Amino acid sequence: MHTATEVLAQQAPVIPNPSPGVPRELQDFGNTVVAALKWLLLVSGVGGLLACSIMIAIGRRNRNQLAQQGIFDAGFVLIGLALGSMAATLVGIFAI
């Protein structure tokens, strides 16, 4: 009599485990989407840093809370840009 584990062990090599691959039809589309998202990240980062700079400049006189908020928000913009620039590397770490 075969136990269930022996039966599964005999059938395990039969189960296919293909490596991840991109279908040819989606290669160009995927590259276009990633390129557009990178462009959007860069444009948003420039806009965010400009907005923070304006907040700091306006808040310089008698509105120090606005200047502090601009400095605080600039940190979040920089963190977002850093994560965006490392996105492909971070995802690549978990790729099988």
N, C-alpha and C. Protein backbone atom coordinates (compact mmCIF):
# COMPACT_ATOMS: atom_id res chain seq x y z
N MET A 1 0.82 -1.19 0.00
CA MET A 1 0.00 0.00 0.00
C MET A 1 0.87 1.25 0.00
N HIS A 2 0.48 2.17 -0.81
CA HIS A 2 1.19 3.44 -0.88
C HIS A 2 0.49 4.45 0.01
N THR A 3 1.30 5.17 0.70
CA THR A 3 0.71 6.26 1.48
C THR A 3 0.54 7.47 0.57
N ALA A 4 -0.21 8.42 1.05
CA ALA A 4 -0.49 9.61 0.23
C ALA A 4 0.78 10.39 -0.05
N THR A 5 1.69 10.48 0.91
CA THR A 5 2.92 11.23 0.69
C THR A 5 3.81 10.57 -0.35
N GLU A 6 3.84 9.23 -0.39
CA GLU A 6 4.64 8.54 -1.40
C GLU A 6 4.07 8.78 -2.79
N VAL A 7 2.77 8.79 -2.90
CA VAL A 7 2.13 9.04 -4.20
C VAL A 7 2.44 10.47 -4.65
N LEU A 8 2.33 11.43 -3.74
CA LEU A 8 2.63 12.83 -4.07
C LEU A 8 4.10 13.01 -4.42
N ALA A 9 4.98 12.30 -3.70
CA ALA A 9 6.41 12.41 -3.97
C ALA A 9 6.75 11.87 -5.35
N GLN A 10 6.05 10.86 -5.79
CA GLN A 10 6.30 10.31 -7.11
C GLN A 10 5.78 11.23 -8.21
N GLN A 11 4.73 11.97 -7.93
CA GLN A 11 4.13 12.84 -8.94
C GLN A 11 4.73 14.24 -8.93
N ALA A 12 5.46 14.61 -7.89
CA ALA A 12 5.99 15.96 -7.77
C ALA A 12 6.88 16.38 -8.94
N PRO A 13 7.77 15.53 -9.43
CA PRO A 13 8.60 15.96 -10.56
C PRO A 13 7.81 16.23 -11.84
N VAL A 14 6.59 15.71 -11.95
CA VAL A 14 5.79 15.89 -13.14
C VAL A 14 5.18 17.30 -13.19
N ILE A 15 5.01 17.95 -12.07
CA ILE A 15 4.38 19.27 -12.01
C ILE A 15 5.34 20.29 -12.61
N PRO A 16 4.92 21.01 -13.63
CA PRO A 16 5.81 21.99 -14.26
C PRO A 16 5.99 23.24 -13.39
N ASN A 17 7.16 23.81 -13.46
CA ASN A 17 7.46 25.05 -12.73
C ASN A 17 8.23 25.97 -13.68
N PRO A 18 7.51 26.61 -14.61
CA PRO A 18 8.22 27.45 -15.58
C PRO A 18 8.73 28.74 -14.95
N SER A 19 9.80 29.26 -15.49
CA SER A 19 10.31 30.54 -15.02
C SER A 19 9.42 31.65 -15.55
N PRO A 20 9.35 32.78 -14.85
CA PRO A 20 8.49 33.87 -15.32
C PRO A 20 9.00 34.43 -16.64
N GLY A 21 8.11 34.70 -17.51
CA GLY A 21 8.46 35.25 -18.81
C GLY A 21 7.36 36.15 -19.32
N VAL A 22 7.73 37.08 -20.14
CA VAL A 22 6.77 38.04 -20.69
C VAL A 22 6.28 37.54 -22.05
N PRO A 23 4.97 37.49 -22.24
CA PRO A 23 4.49 37.17 -23.59
C PRO A 23 4.92 38.25 -24.58
N ARG A 24 5.27 37.85 -25.78
CA ARG A 24 5.78 38.80 -26.77
C ARG A 24 4.81 39.95 -27.03
N GLU A 25 3.53 39.66 -26.98
CA GLU A 25 2.52 40.68 -27.28
C GLU A 25 2.50 41.77 -26.20
N LEU A 26 2.88 41.44 -24.98
CA LEU A 26 2.80 42.40 -23.88
C LEU A 26 4.11 43.11 -23.57
N GLN A 27 5.21 42.70 -24.19
CA GLN A 27 6.52 43.28 -23.89
C GLN A 27 6.55 44.78 -24.13
N ASP A 28 6.14 45.21 -25.32
CA ASP A 28 6.16 46.64 -25.64
C ASP A 28 5.17 47.42 -24.80
N PHE A 29 3.99 46.85 -24.59
CA PHE A 29 2.98 47.53 -23.77
C PHE A 29 3.48 47.71 -22.34
N GLY A 30 4.10 46.69 -21.78
CA GLY A 30 4.63 46.78 -20.41
C GLY A 30 5.72 47.83 -20.31
N ASN A 31 6.62 47.87 -21.28
CA ASN A 31 7.68 48.88 -21.29
C ASN A 31 7.10 50.29 -21.38
N THR A 32 6.06 50.46 -22.19
CA THR A 32 5.42 51.77 -22.34
C THR A 32 4.78 52.21 -21.03
N VAL A 33 4.09 51.30 -20.35
CA VAL A 33 3.43 51.64 -19.09
C VAL A 33 4.46 52.01 -18.03
N VAL A 34 5.53 51.23 -17.91
CA VAL A 34 6.55 51.52 -16.90
C VAL A 34 7.24 52.85 -17.21
N ALA A 35 7.52 53.12 -18.47
CA ALA A 35 8.16 54.38 -18.85
C ALA A 35 7.25 55.56 -18.54
N ALA A 36 5.95 55.43 -18.79
CA ALA A 36 5.01 56.51 -18.50
C ALA A 36 4.90 56.75 -17.00
N LEU A 37 4.91 55.69 -16.22
CA LEU A 37 4.83 55.85 -14.76
C LEU A 37 6.09 56.50 -14.19
N LYS A 38 7.25 56.14 -14.75
CA LYS A 38 8.50 56.79 -14.32
C LYS A 38 8.48 58.27 -14.64
N TRP A 39 8.00 58.61 -15.83
CA TRP A 39 7.90 60.01 -16.24
C TRP A 39 6.95 60.76 -15.30
N LEU A 40 5.81 60.15 -14.99
CA LEU A 40 4.84 60.77 -14.09
C LEU A 40 5.44 60.97 -12.70
N LEU A 41 6.22 60.02 -12.23
CA LEU A 41 6.89 60.16 -10.93
C LEU A 41 7.85 61.35 -10.94
N LEU A 42 8.64 61.47 -11.99
CA LEU A 42 9.60 62.58 -12.06
C LEU A 42 8.90 63.93 -12.14
N VAL A 43 7.86 64.03 -12.95
CA VAL A 43 7.13 65.29 -13.06
C VAL A 43 6.45 65.63 -11.74
N SER A 44 5.87 64.65 -11.09
CA SER A 44 5.23 64.89 -9.79
C SER A 44 6.25 65.28 -8.73
N GLY A 45 7.42 64.66 -8.78
CA GLY A 45 8.48 65.01 -7.82
C GLY A 45 8.94 66.44 -7.99
N VAL A 46 9.13 66.87 -9.23
CA VAL A 46 9.54 68.26 -9.49
C VAL A 46 8.44 69.21 -9.01
N GLY A 47 7.19 68.90 -9.34
CA GLY A 47 6.07 69.74 -8.90
C GLY A 47 5.95 69.78 -7.38
N GLY A 48 6.14 68.64 -6.74
CA GLY A 48 6.06 68.60 -5.28
C GLY A 48 7.16 69.40 -4.61
N LEU A 49 8.38 69.29 -5.12
CA LEU A 49 9.48 70.07 -4.54
C LEU A 49 9.31 71.56 -4.79
N LEU A 50 8.77 71.92 -5.97
CA LEU A 50 8.50 73.34 -6.23
C LEU A 50 7.41 73.86 -5.29
N ALA A 51 6.38 73.08 -5.06
CA ALA A 51 5.32 73.49 -4.13
C ALA A 51 5.87 73.66 -2.71
N CYS A 52 6.73 72.74 -2.29
CA CYS A 52 7.33 72.85 -0.96
C CYS A 52 8.22 74.07 -0.86
N SER A 53 8.96 74.37 -1.94
CA SER A 53 9.82 75.56 -1.95
C SER A 53 8.99 76.84 -1.85
N ILE A 54 7.87 76.86 -2.54
CA ILE A 54 6.99 78.04 -2.46
C ILE A 54 6.43 78.18 -1.05
N MET A 55 6.06 77.07 -0.44
CA MET A 55 5.54 77.13 0.95
C MET A 55 6.61 77.67 1.89
N ILE A 56 7.84 77.27 1.70
CA ILE A 56 8.93 77.75 2.56
C ILE A 56 9.16 79.24 2.33
N ALA A 57 9.14 79.66 1.07
CA ALA A 57 9.38 81.08 0.78
C ALA A 57 8.25 81.96 1.31
N ILE A 58 7.02 81.53 1.15
CA ILE A 58 5.89 82.32 1.64
C ILE A 58 5.86 82.32 3.17
N GLY A 59 6.18 81.21 3.76
CA GLY A 59 6.11 81.09 5.21
C GLY A 59 7.29 81.67 5.94
N ARG A 60 8.19 82.28 5.23
CA ARG A 60 9.39 82.82 5.86
C ARG A 60 9.05 83.96 6.82
N ARG A 61 8.11 84.79 6.47
CA ARG A 61 7.78 85.95 7.30
C ARG A 61 6.39 85.80 7.91
N ASN A 62 6.33 85.76 9.20
CA ASN A 62 5.10 85.77 9.99
C ASN A 62 4.19 84.57 9.74
N ARG A 63 4.64 83.59 9.02
CA ARG A 63 3.85 82.37 8.80
C ARG A 63 4.76 81.16 8.94
N ASN A 64 5.42 81.07 10.05
CA ASN A 64 6.43 80.02 10.19
C ASN A 64 5.84 78.61 10.14
N GLN A 65 4.55 78.46 10.44
CA GLN A 65 3.94 77.13 10.35
C GLN A 65 3.91 76.64 8.90
N LEU A 66 3.68 77.55 7.98
CA LEU A 66 3.67 77.18 6.57
C LEU A 66 5.06 76.74 6.11
N ALA A 67 6.08 77.44 6.58
CA ALA A 67 7.46 77.07 6.22
C ALA A 67 7.82 75.72 6.82
N GLN A 68 7.40 75.47 8.05
CA GLN A 68 7.68 74.17 8.67
C GLN A 68 6.97 73.04 7.92
N GLN A 69 5.74 73.30 7.51
CA GLN A 69 5.00 72.29 6.75
C GLN A 69 5.67 72.03 5.40
N GLY A 70 6.20 73.07 4.76
CA GLY A 70 6.90 72.90 3.50
C GLY A 70 8.15 72.04 3.64
N ILE A 71 8.89 72.24 4.72
CA ILE A 71 10.08 71.42 4.97
C ILE A 71 9.68 69.98 5.25
N PHE A 72 8.63 69.81 6.05
CA PHE A 72 8.15 68.46 6.40
C PHE A 72 7.67 67.72 5.14
N ASP A 73 6.91 68.42 4.30
CA ASP A 73 6.39 67.79 3.08
C ASP A 73 7.50 67.47 2.08
N ALA A 74 8.55 68.27 2.05
CA ALA A 74 9.67 67.99 1.14
C ALA A 74 10.29 66.64 1.46
N GLY A 75 10.33 66.28 2.72
CA GLY A 75 10.84 64.96 3.11
C GLY A 75 10.02 63.84 2.51
N PHE A 76 8.69 64.00 2.52
CA PHE A 76 7.84 62.97 1.92
C PHE A 76 8.02 62.89 0.41
N VAL A 77 8.21 64.02 -0.23
CA VAL A 77 8.45 64.01 -1.68
C VAL A 77 9.75 63.26 -1.98
N LEU A 78 10.78 63.53 -1.21
CA LEU A 78 12.07 62.86 -1.43
C LEU A 78 11.99 61.36 -1.15
N ILE A 79 11.23 60.98 -0.13
CA ILE A 79 11.04 59.55 0.15
C ILE A 79 10.31 58.88 -1.00
N GLY A 80 9.28 59.54 -1.53
CA GLY A 80 8.55 58.99 -2.67
C GLY A 80 9.43 58.83 -3.89
N LEU A 81 10.27 59.83 -4.15
CA LEU A 81 11.20 59.73 -5.29
C LEU A 81 12.21 58.61 -5.09
N ALA A 82 12.69 58.45 -3.86
CA ALA A 82 13.65 57.38 -3.58
C ALA A 82 13.02 56.01 -3.78
N LEU A 83 11.80 55.83 -3.29
CA LEU A 83 11.13 54.55 -3.48
C LEU A 83 10.85 54.28 -4.96
N GLY A 84 10.46 55.31 -5.69
CA GLY A 84 10.21 55.14 -7.11
C GLY A 84 11.45 54.77 -7.88
N SER A 85 12.58 55.35 -7.49
CA SER A 85 13.82 55.03 -8.21
C SER A 85 14.32 53.62 -7.88
N MET A 86 13.94 53.10 -6.72
CA MET A 86 14.37 51.75 -6.33
C MET A 86 13.32 50.69 -6.63
N ALA A 87 12.21 51.06 -7.26
CA ALA A 87 11.09 50.13 -7.43
C ALA A 87 11.50 48.86 -8.18
N ALA A 88 12.17 49.01 -9.29
CA ALA A 88 12.54 47.83 -10.09
C ALA A 88 13.49 46.93 -9.32
N THR A 89 14.42 47.53 -8.58
CA THR A 89 15.36 46.72 -7.79
C THR A 89 14.65 45.97 -6.67
N LEU A 90 13.73 46.67 -5.98
CA LEU A 90 13.00 46.02 -4.89
C LEU A 90 12.13 44.88 -5.39
N VAL A 91 11.47 45.07 -6.51
CA VAL A 91 10.64 44.01 -7.06
C VAL A 91 11.52 42.87 -7.57
N GLY A 92 12.66 43.19 -8.14
CA GLY A 92 13.58 42.18 -8.64
C GLY A 92 14.13 41.26 -7.56
N ILE A 93 14.20 41.76 -6.34
CA ILE A 93 14.68 40.93 -5.24
C ILE A 93 13.76 39.75 -5.01
N PHE A 94 12.46 39.98 -5.17
CA PHE A 94 11.48 38.93 -4.88
C PHE A 94 11.12 38.09 -6.10
N ALA A 95 11.70 38.38 -7.24
CA ALA A 95 11.41 37.61 -8.45
C ALA A 95 12.05 36.22 -8.32
N ILE A 96 11.35 35.26 -8.77
CA ILE A 96 11.83 33.88 -8.66
C ILE A 96 12.55 33.50 -9.93
